[in-house]
Amino acid sequence: MQVTINGKPEDVQASTVLGVLKHKEVDPHMVAVELNTQIVERDKLETTPIKDGDKLEFLFFMGGGE
């Protein structure tokens, strides 16, 4: 199925948000996920389905500064 991840179309073979994170080798504890403009709660990643045409945004937590 084709979804858009951070603005780029990608083919994925996953059926849930967590499946997409695993496919992309992203640690679910280090990212917030937005699915079609709605934040997905961390405890719902495994049960939130995705479908063809969905838009996902991965928001990464970064440290730094002084």
N, C-alpha and C. Protein backbone atom coordinates (compact mmCIF):
# COMPACT_ATOMS: atom_id res chain seq x y z
N MET A 1 0.85 -1.17 0.00
CA MET A 1 0.00 0.00 0.00
C MET A 1 0.90 1.22 0.00
N GLN A 2 0.37 2.30 -0.54
CA GLN A 2 1.15 3.54 -0.59
C GLN A 2 0.62 4.53 0.43
N VAL A 3 1.54 5.06 1.25
CA VAL A 3 1.24 6.10 2.22
C VAL A 3 2.26 7.21 2.03
N THR A 4 1.99 8.34 2.65
CA THR A 4 2.95 9.44 2.62
C THR A 4 3.54 9.56 4.01
N ILE A 5 4.87 9.51 4.09
CA ILE A 5 5.57 9.61 5.36
C ILE A 5 6.47 10.84 5.32
N ASN A 6 6.19 11.78 6.21
CA ASN A 6 6.94 13.04 6.25
C ASN A 6 7.03 13.68 4.87
N GLY A 7 5.91 13.67 4.16
CA GLY A 7 5.83 14.35 2.87
C GLY A 7 6.30 13.56 1.67
N LYS A 8 6.77 12.33 1.87
CA LYS A 8 7.29 11.53 0.76
C LYS A 8 6.45 10.26 0.59
N PRO A 9 5.98 9.99 -0.64
CA PRO A 9 5.22 8.75 -0.87
C PRO A 9 6.11 7.53 -0.69
N GLU A 10 5.58 6.52 0.00
CA GLU A 10 6.33 5.28 0.22
C GLU A 10 5.39 4.10 0.14
N ASP A 11 5.92 2.98 -0.35
CA ASP A 11 5.18 1.71 -0.32
C ASP A 11 5.54 0.99 0.96
N VAL A 12 4.55 0.57 1.71
CA VAL A 12 4.78 -0.18 2.95
C VAL A 12 3.91 -1.43 2.96
N GLN A 13 4.38 -2.43 3.66
CA GLN A 13 3.64 -3.69 3.80
C GLN A 13 3.21 -3.85 5.25
N ALA A 14 2.69 -2.81 5.84
CA ALA A 14 2.27 -2.83 7.24
C ALA A 14 0.79 -2.49 7.31
N SER A 15 0.15 -2.94 8.38
CA SER A 15 -1.28 -2.66 8.52
C SER A 15 -1.59 -1.75 9.71
N THR A 16 -0.56 -1.46 10.53
CA THR A 16 -0.75 -0.58 11.68
C THR A 16 0.36 0.47 11.72
N VAL A 17 0.14 1.48 12.54
CA VAL A 17 1.17 2.52 12.70
C VAL A 17 2.45 1.90 13.24
N LEU A 18 2.34 1.02 14.24
CA LEU A 18 3.54 0.37 14.78
C LEU A 18 4.27 -0.43 13.71
N GLY A 19 3.51 -1.09 12.85
CA GLY A 19 4.13 -1.83 11.74
C GLY A 19 4.94 -0.93 10.83
N VAL A 20 4.46 0.27 10.57
CA VAL A 20 5.20 1.22 9.74
C VAL A 20 6.48 1.65 10.46
N LEU A 21 6.37 1.92 11.76
CA LEU A 21 7.56 2.30 12.53
C LEU A 21 8.61 1.20 12.48
N LYS A 22 8.19 -0.04 12.63
CA LYS A 22 9.14 -1.16 12.57
C LYS A 22 9.75 -1.26 11.18
N HIS A 23 8.92 -1.11 10.14
CA HIS A 23 9.41 -1.15 8.76
C HIS A 23 10.48 -0.08 8.52
N LYS A 24 10.29 1.08 9.13
CA LYS A 24 11.24 2.20 8.96
C LYS A 24 12.37 2.15 9.99
N GLU A 25 12.36 1.14 10.86
CA GLU A 25 13.36 0.98 11.92
C GLU A 25 13.41 2.21 12.83
N VAL A 26 12.22 2.66 13.23
CA VAL A 26 12.08 3.81 14.13
C VAL A 26 11.63 3.32 15.49
N ASP A 27 12.35 3.72 16.53
CA ASP A 27 11.99 3.34 17.90
C ASP A 27 10.74 4.11 18.30
N PRO A 28 9.64 3.42 18.62
CA PRO A 28 8.40 4.11 18.95
C PRO A 28 8.48 4.99 20.19
N HIS A 29 9.51 4.79 21.01
CA HIS A 29 9.68 5.63 22.21
C HIS A 29 10.37 6.95 21.90
N MET A 30 10.90 7.08 20.68
CA MET A 30 11.66 8.28 20.32
C MET A 30 10.93 9.17 19.33
N VAL A 31 9.63 8.90 19.11
CA VAL A 31 8.91 9.63 18.08
C VAL A 31 7.44 9.80 18.49
N ALA A 32 6.88 10.91 18.08
CA ALA A 32 5.43 11.09 18.15
C ALA A 32 4.92 10.91 16.73
N VAL A 33 3.75 10.31 16.58
CA VAL A 33 3.22 10.02 15.25
C VAL A 33 1.90 10.74 15.05
N GLU A 34 1.82 11.40 13.91
CA GLU A 34 0.58 12.05 13.49
C GLU A 34 0.05 11.27 12.28
N LEU A 35 -1.19 10.87 12.35
CA LEU A 35 -1.83 10.14 11.26
C LEU A 35 -2.99 10.99 10.76
N ASN A 36 -2.87 11.46 9.52
CA ASN A 36 -3.90 12.31 8.92
C ASN A 36 -4.28 13.46 9.86
N THR A 37 -3.28 14.16 10.35
CA THR A 37 -3.36 15.36 11.20
C THR A 37 -3.78 15.09 12.64
N GLN A 38 -3.91 13.83 13.05
CA GLN A 38 -4.28 13.50 14.43
C GLN A 38 -3.12 12.75 15.11
N ILE A 39 -2.74 13.23 16.30
CA ILE A 39 -1.69 12.54 17.04
C ILE A 39 -2.21 11.17 17.50
N VAL A 40 -1.39 10.15 17.30
CA VAL A 40 -1.73 8.79 17.74
C VAL A 40 -1.10 8.58 19.12
N GLU A 41 -1.91 8.23 20.10
CA GLU A 41 -1.40 7.95 21.44
C GLU A 41 -0.44 6.76 21.36
N ARG A 42 0.64 6.84 22.13
CA ARG A 42 1.67 5.80 22.10
C ARG A 42 1.08 4.41 22.38
N ASP A 43 0.14 4.30 23.30
CA ASP A 43 -0.43 2.99 23.62
C ASP A 43 -1.40 2.49 22.55
N LYS A 44 -1.65 3.29 21.53
CA LYS A 44 -2.55 2.89 20.43
C LYS A 44 -1.79 2.61 19.12
N LEU A 45 -0.47 2.74 19.13
CA LEU A 45 0.31 2.54 17.90
C LEU A 45 0.09 1.15 17.31
N GLU A 46 0.02 0.15 18.17
CA GLU A 46 -0.10 -1.24 17.70
C GLU A 46 -1.49 -1.55 17.15
N THR A 47 -2.49 -0.81 17.58
CA THR A 47 -3.86 -1.12 17.17
C THR A 47 -4.45 -0.10 16.19
N THR A 48 -3.71 0.95 15.87
CA THR A 48 -4.21 1.96 14.95
C THR A 48 -3.92 1.53 13.50
N PRO A 49 -4.97 1.23 12.73
CA PRO A 49 -4.76 0.75 11.37
C PRO A 49 -4.37 1.90 10.43
N ILE A 50 -3.66 1.54 9.38
CA ILE A 50 -3.40 2.50 8.30
C ILE A 50 -4.02 1.93 7.04
N LYS A 51 -4.30 2.84 6.12
CA LYS A 51 -4.88 2.41 4.85
C LYS A 51 -4.20 3.16 3.72
N ASP A 52 -4.39 2.66 2.53
CA ASP A 52 -3.80 3.26 1.34
C ASP A 52 -4.15 4.75 1.28
N GLY A 53 -3.15 5.58 1.07
CA GLY A 53 -3.37 7.01 0.94
C GLY A 53 -3.22 7.80 2.23
N ASP A 54 -3.03 7.11 3.36
CA ASP A 54 -2.86 7.83 4.63
C ASP A 54 -1.59 8.67 4.63
N LYS A 55 -1.61 9.70 5.47
CA LYS A 55 -0.45 10.58 5.63
C LYS A 55 0.04 10.48 7.06
N LEU A 56 1.31 10.10 7.20
CA LEU A 56 1.93 9.99 8.52
C LEU A 56 3.05 11.02 8.64
N GLU A 57 3.15 11.60 9.81
CA GLU A 57 4.27 12.48 10.13
C GLU A 57 4.93 11.91 11.38
N PHE A 58 6.25 11.74 11.31
CA PHE A 58 7.02 11.30 12.46
C PHE A 58 7.71 12.52 13.04
N LEU A 59 7.46 12.79 14.30
CA LEU A 59 8.03 13.94 14.99
C LEU A 59 9.04 13.41 16.00
N PHE A 60 10.32 13.64 15.71
CA PHE A 60 11.39 13.08 16.53
C PHE A 60 11.76 14.03 17.66
N PHE A 61 12.06 13.42 18.81
CA PHE A 61 12.53 14.19 19.97
C PHE A 61 14.04 14.33 19.87
N MET A 62 14.53 15.54 20.04
CA MET A 62 15.97 15.79 19.96
C MET A 62 16.40 16.60 21.16
N GLY A 63 17.57 16.26 21.63
CA GLY A 63 18.18 17.03 22.71
C GLY A 63 19.22 17.96 22.12
N GLY A 64 19.69 18.82 22.94
CA GLY A 64 20.75 19.71 22.47
C GLY A 64 20.61 21.08 23.08
N GLY A 65 21.41 21.98 22.59
CA GLY A 65 21.41 23.33 23.11
C GLY A 65 22.33 23.44 24.31
N GLU A 66 22.25 24.55 24.96
CA GLU A 66 23.12 24.78 26.11
C GLU A 66 22.34 24.79 27.39
